[in-house]
Amino acid sequence: MSKKIAIIGGGNLGTAIAEGLINSGFSKPENILITKRNIKTLQPLEQRGVLVGDDNTEAIRFADLVILAVKPFQVSEVLGKLKEVIDPARHVLMSVVTGVTISQLLEAVGKKVAVIRAMPNTAIAIQESMTCLAAHEVTKDQVSYTEELFNQLGRVAWIDEKLMDAATVLGACGTAYAMRYIRANIQGGIEIGFDAATANLIAAQTVKGAAELLLKKGTHPEQEIDKVTTPKGCTIAGLNEMEHQGFSSSLIKGIVASYDKIAKD
């Protein structure tokens, strides 16, 4: 695609988006400009041909799509300084900032502009993100472009904006939850005889395969569990012990705790 993209905020998520756009071939490096106060950390992207800088105003003038990837507390200040150069006739403002609503973004900009809230996760760097989207005053072409962009980087779901905090927990925080499960699996594998590298490989590939079963076959997890659990077998013995120790309930409580943290802040 030929659209020029400015990523305001070159932190972990901002750089992951840039990497994903380049790796997928969706954008040419020279069509992406990413900003950060300390641009030295952006050298790997610069070496790949991405434009880097510390001038957000210059980035807005460069771009058609503006991706806001700063910290939540920085949004008002950053957009306040950019409102004069944001052109509703040209720009689409996309925010990947946790907990900042479309109405808050519009208030900070101070003018009517097409706004999209996107909540990807860090797997966007390898084109395996789960991205939830909500929009305001966008055209069909802008919706189509946004879907095409994020479909290059994983999977997409359009949701009601009121569910965006929940999407953050399930889809973005969920990466950390999955990693913690895999880590525990590795530790268990080491205890029963595997070296760390082999346990890592087995645990990670097994989780990947389990997820692909659900995505490709459209089945429910319990259907796949039933195929693995035989009467008096080792799988059901392990599952029951995990449940006795609070496996499912602790995961659910963790998800709710993360959601409450977002809602409270």
Protein backbone atom coordinates (compact mmCIF):
# COMPACT_ATOMS: atom_id res chain seq x y z
CA MET A 1 0.00 0.00 0.00
CA SER A 2 1.18 3.53 -0.74
CA LYS A 3 -0.31 5.32 2.27
CA LYS A 4 2.26 6.99 4.48
CA ILE A 5 2.12 6.05 8.14
CA ALA A 6 3.38 7.96 11.16
CA ILE A 7 3.81 6.07 14.42
CA ILE A 8 3.92 8.53 17.30
CA GLY A 9 5.75 6.65 20.04
CA GLY A 10 8.56 4.21 19.35
CA GLY A 11 8.15 1.99 22.39
CA ASN A 12 7.61 -1.76 22.38
CA LEU A 13 4.21 -1.67 20.68
CA GLY A 14 5.06 1.12 18.25
CA THR A 15 8.18 -0.65 17.04
CA ALA A 16 6.33 -3.99 16.89
CA ILE A 17 3.74 -2.41 14.59
CA ALA A 18 6.46 -1.02 12.34
CA GLU A 19 8.22 -4.38 12.21
CA GLY A 20 5.00 -6.19 11.39
CA LEU A 21 4.07 -3.78 8.61
CA ILE A 22 7.49 -4.21 7.02
CA ASN A 23 7.78 -7.97 7.52
CA SER A 24 4.34 -8.56 5.99
CA GLY A 25 5.17 -6.42 2.97
CA PHE A 26 2.11 -4.25 3.60
CA SER A 27 4.20 -1.08 3.82
CA LYS A 28 7.54 -0.09 2.38
CA PRO A 29 10.01 1.08 5.05
CA GLU A 30 10.30 4.51 3.48
CA ASN A 31 6.53 4.99 3.91
CA ILE A 32 6.78 4.68 7.70
CA LEU A 33 8.02 7.40 10.03
CA ILE A 34 8.32 6.57 13.73
CA THR A 35 9.10 9.08 16.48
CA LYS A 36 10.68 8.88 19.89
CA ARG A 37 12.62 11.26 22.12
CA ASN A 38 15.58 8.90 22.22
CA ILE A 39 15.88 7.88 18.59
CA LYS A 40 19.02 5.83 19.21
CA THR A 41 16.81 2.92 20.25
CA LEU A 42 15.19 3.04 16.80
CA GLN A 43 18.42 2.32 14.94
CA PRO A 44 17.44 -1.26 14.00
CA LEU A 45 14.36 0.10 12.21
CA GLU A 46 16.35 2.93 10.65
CA GLN A 47 18.82 0.39 9.28
CA ARG A 48 15.91 -1.31 7.54
CA GLY A 49 14.93 1.92 5.82
CA VAL A 50 12.27 3.23 8.21
CA LEU A 51 12.31 6.98 8.77
CA VAL A 52 12.93 7.92 12.40
CA GLY A 53 12.79 11.23 14.22
CA ASP A 54 11.80 13.14 17.34
CA ASP A 55 9.55 15.74 15.71
CA ASN A 56 5.88 14.70 15.96
CA THR A 57 4.70 17.68 13.93
CA GLU A 58 6.93 16.66 11.03
CA ALA A 59 5.58 13.12 11.32
CA ILE A 60 1.96 14.30 11.05
CA ARG A 61 2.76 16.35 7.94
CA PHE A 62 4.41 13.28 6.43
CA ALA A 63 1.55 10.86 7.04
CA ASP A 64 -1.93 9.90 5.91
CA LEU A 65 -2.47 7.50 8.81
CA VAL A 66 -1.35 8.59 12.27
CA ILE A 67 -0.88 5.77 14.80
CA LEU A 68 -0.73 7.04 18.35
CA ALA A 69 1.35 4.68 20.51
CA VAL A 70 2.31 6.77 23.53
CA LYS A 71 1.60 6.28 27.23
CA PRO A 72 -1.98 7.07 28.35
CA PHE A 73 -0.88 10.04 30.45
CA GLN A 74 0.89 11.56 27.43
CA VAL A 75 -2.11 11.58 25.07
CA SER A 76 -3.57 15.00 25.93
CA GLU A 77 -0.20 16.75 25.81
CA VAL A 78 0.91 15.08 22.58
CA LEU A 79 -2.35 15.63 20.70
CA GLY A 80 -2.70 19.13 22.10
CA LYS A 81 0.56 20.07 20.38
CA LEU A 82 -0.50 18.44 17.12
CA LYS A 83 -4.09 19.64 16.74
CA GLU A 84 -3.09 22.45 14.38
CA VAL A 85 -1.45 20.10 11.89
CA ILE A 86 -4.01 17.30 12.00
CA ASP A 87 -6.14 17.66 8.86
CA PRO A 88 -9.57 15.96 8.97
CA ALA A 89 -9.64 15.93 5.17
CA ARG A 90 -6.44 13.91 5.02
CA HIS A 91 -5.68 12.18 8.29
CA VAL A 92 -7.04 9.15 10.06
CA LEU A 93 -6.10 9.05 13.73
CA MET A 94 -5.55 5.53 15.05
CA SER A 95 -4.87 4.97 18.74
CA VAL A 96 -3.37 1.85 20.30
CA VAL A 97 -3.28 3.51 23.73
CA THR A 98 -4.82 1.52 26.56
CA GLY A 99 -7.81 3.03 28.33
CA VAL A 100 -8.14 6.24 26.27
CA THR A 101 -11.59 6.51 24.67
CA ILE A 102 -12.52 7.89 21.28
CA SER A 103 -14.30 10.81 22.94
CA GLN A 104 -11.13 11.64 24.89
CA LEU A 105 -9.08 11.52 21.70
CA LEU A 106 -11.51 13.85 19.94
CA GLU A 107 -11.48 16.22 22.89
CA ALA A 108 -7.69 16.34 22.82
CA VAL A 109 -7.62 16.98 19.06
CA GLY A 110 -10.37 19.58 19.29
CA LYS A 111 -11.84 18.89 15.85
CA LYS A 112 -13.83 16.28 13.94
CA VAL A 113 -11.54 13.64 12.56
CA ALA A 114 -11.82 9.96 11.66
CA VAL A 115 -10.72 7.95 14.70
CA ILE A 116 -9.97 4.25 15.09
CA ARG A 117 -9.11 2.56 18.36
CA ALA A 118 -7.03 -0.55 17.84
CA MET A 119 -5.86 -2.99 20.46
CA PRO A 120 -3.25 -5.35 19.00
CA ASN A 121 -0.75 -7.38 20.98
CA THR A 122 3.01 -7.73 20.66
CA ALA A 123 2.68 -10.76 18.36
CA ILE A 124 2.00 -8.14 15.68
CA ALA A 125 5.77 -8.16 15.07
CA ILE A 126 5.47 -11.69 13.63
CA GLN A 127 2.06 -11.15 11.99
CA GLU A 128 0.19 -13.16 14.63
CA SER A 129 -1.63 -10.42 16.56
CA MET A 130 -5.22 -10.51 17.73
CA THR A 131 -6.40 -6.95 17.08
CA CYS A 132 -9.73 -5.55 18.25
CA LEU A 133 -11.04 -2.44 16.52
CA ALA A 134 -13.62 0.28 17.16
CA ALA A 135 -14.22 3.34 15.01
CA HIS A 136 -15.84 6.78 14.81
CA GLU A 137 -16.76 8.73 11.66
CA VAL A 138 -14.85 6.49 9.28
CA THR A 139 -15.61 5.77 5.63
CA LYS A 140 -15.99 2.34 4.07
CA ASP A 141 -12.60 2.79 2.42
CA GLN A 142 -10.99 3.61 5.78
CA VAL A 143 -12.60 0.56 7.36
CA SER A 144 -11.42 -1.61 4.46
CA TYR A 145 -7.88 -0.25 4.67
CA THR A 146 -7.75 -0.78 8.43
CA GLU A 147 -8.96 -4.37 8.10
CA GLU A 148 -6.45 -5.06 5.35
CA LEU A 149 -3.65 -3.59 7.44
CA PHE A 150 -4.36 -5.66 10.54
CA ASN A 151 -5.30 -8.82 8.63
CA GLN A 152 -1.71 -8.75 7.36
CA LEU A 153 -0.64 -8.80 10.99
CA GLY A 154 -2.88 -11.50 12.44
CA ARG A 155 -6.63 -11.60 13.01
CA VAL A 156 -9.17 -8.81 13.45
CA ALA A 157 -12.43 -8.34 15.35
CA TRP A 158 -14.59 -5.20 15.22
CA ILE A 159 -16.18 -4.64 18.62
CA ASP A 160 -18.28 -2.07 20.45
CA GLU A 161 -15.94 0.49 21.99
CA LYS A 162 -17.33 -0.20 25.46
CA LEU A 163 -15.64 -3.63 25.23
CA MET A 164 -12.22 -2.22 24.42
CA ASP A 165 -10.92 -2.48 27.99
CA ALA A 166 -12.07 -6.08 28.09
CA ALA A 167 -10.36 -6.69 24.74
CA THR A 168 -7.16 -5.23 26.18
CA VAL A 169 -7.22 -7.75 28.99
CA LEU A 170 -8.18 -10.79 26.91
CA GLY A 171 -6.09 -10.06 23.83
CA ALA A 172 -3.12 -7.97 24.99
CA CYS A 173 -2.63 -8.97 28.62
CA GLY A 174 -3.57 -12.45 27.44
CA THR A 175 -0.18 -12.81 25.78
CA ALA A 176 1.46 -12.58 29.20
CA TYR A 177 -1.02 -15.07 30.66
CA ALA A 178 -0.22 -17.54 27.88
CA MET A 179 3.51 -17.04 28.39
CA ARG A 180 3.16 -17.71 32.11
CA TYR A 181 1.30 -20.95 31.34
CA ILE A 182 4.02 -21.99 28.90
CA ARG A 183 6.72 -21.15 31.44
CA ALA A 184 5.01 -23.33 34.04
CA ASN A 185 4.74 -26.11 31.46
CA ILE A 186 8.47 -25.85 30.82
CA GLN A 187 9.24 -26.01 34.54
CA GLY A 188 7.07 -29.09 34.86
CA GLY A 189 8.77 -30.63 31.83
CA ILE A 190 12.19 -30.10 33.39
CA GLU A 191 11.01 -31.73 36.62
CA ILE A 192 9.93 -34.87 34.74
CA GLY A 193 13.19 -35.20 32.82
CA PHE A 194 13.57 -32.81 29.86
CA ASP A 195 16.32 -30.28 29.42
CA ALA A 196 15.14 -26.66 29.30
CA ALA A 197 15.51 -26.17 25.54
CA THR A 198 13.57 -29.31 24.66
CA ALA A 199 10.86 -28.55 27.21
CA ASN A 200 10.57 -25.04 25.77
CA LEU A 201 10.11 -26.39 22.24
CA ILE A 202 7.55 -29.02 23.24
CA ALA A 203 5.54 -26.62 25.40
CA ALA A 204 5.46 -23.78 22.87
CA GLN A 205 4.62 -25.95 19.85
CA THR A 206 1.93 -27.80 21.80
CA VAL A 207 0.22 -24.54 22.75
CA LYS A 208 0.51 -23.29 19.16
CA GLY A 209 -1.03 -26.51 17.86
CA ALA A 210 -3.87 -26.38 20.39
CA ALA A 211 -4.72 -22.81 19.38
CA GLU A 212 -4.63 -23.68 15.67
CA LEU A 213 -7.08 -26.53 16.26
CA LEU A 214 -9.63 -24.06 17.63
CA LEU A 215 -9.01 -21.42 14.96
CA LYS A 216 -9.03 -23.74 11.96
CA LYS A 217 -11.69 -26.20 13.04
CA GLY A 218 -13.94 -23.75 14.90
CA THR A 219 -14.40 -26.18 17.76
CA HIS A 220 -14.87 -25.54 21.47
CA PRO A 221 -11.94 -26.33 23.80
CA GLU A 222 -13.94 -29.01 25.61
CA GLN A 223 -14.45 -30.90 22.34
CA GLU A 224 -10.70 -31.08 21.85
CA ILE A 225 -10.13 -31.96 25.51
CA ASP A 226 -12.54 -34.88 25.20
CA LYS A 227 -10.40 -36.32 22.38
CA VAL A 228 -7.36 -36.44 24.66
CA THR A 229 -8.94 -37.65 27.91
CA THR A 230 -9.40 -41.41 28.10
CA PRO A 231 -11.03 -43.22 31.05
CA LYS A 232 -8.62 -43.57 33.96
CA GLY A 233 -5.95 -41.91 31.81
CA CYS A 234 -3.09 -39.60 32.70
CA THR A 235 -4.62 -36.54 31.01
CA ILE A 236 -7.80 -36.49 33.09
CA ALA A 237 -5.77 -37.16 36.24
CA GLY A 238 -3.62 -34.11 35.52
CA LEU A 239 -6.57 -31.90 34.56
CA ASN A 240 -8.50 -32.81 37.70
CA GLU A 241 -5.50 -32.09 39.92
CA MET A 242 -5.05 -28.68 38.24
CA GLU A 243 -8.72 -27.88 38.83
CA HIS A 244 -8.46 -29.00 42.48
CA GLN A 245 -5.59 -26.52 42.82
CA GLY A 246 -7.71 -23.73 41.32
CA PHE A 247 -6.29 -23.57 37.79
CA SER A 248 -9.38 -22.25 35.98
CA SER A 249 -10.65 -20.12 38.85
CA SER A 250 -7.26 -18.43 39.36
CA LEU A 251 -7.02 -17.62 35.65
CA ILE A 252 -10.52 -16.14 35.62
CA LYS A 253 -9.77 -14.13 38.77
CA GLY A 254 -6.58 -12.84 37.16
CA ILE A 255 -8.45 -11.69 34.06
CA VAL A 256 -11.03 -9.91 36.21
CA ALA A 257 -8.29 -8.32 38.35
CA SER A 258 -6.62 -6.92 35.22
CA TYR A 259 -9.95 -5.59 33.98
CA ASP A 260 -10.70 -3.96 37.34
CA LYS A 261 -7.27 -2.31 37.28
CA ILE A 262 -8.00 -0.69 33.92
CA ALA A 263 -11.48 0.39 35.01
CA LYS A 264 -10.18 1.84 38.27
CA ASP A 265 -7.36 3.81 36.62
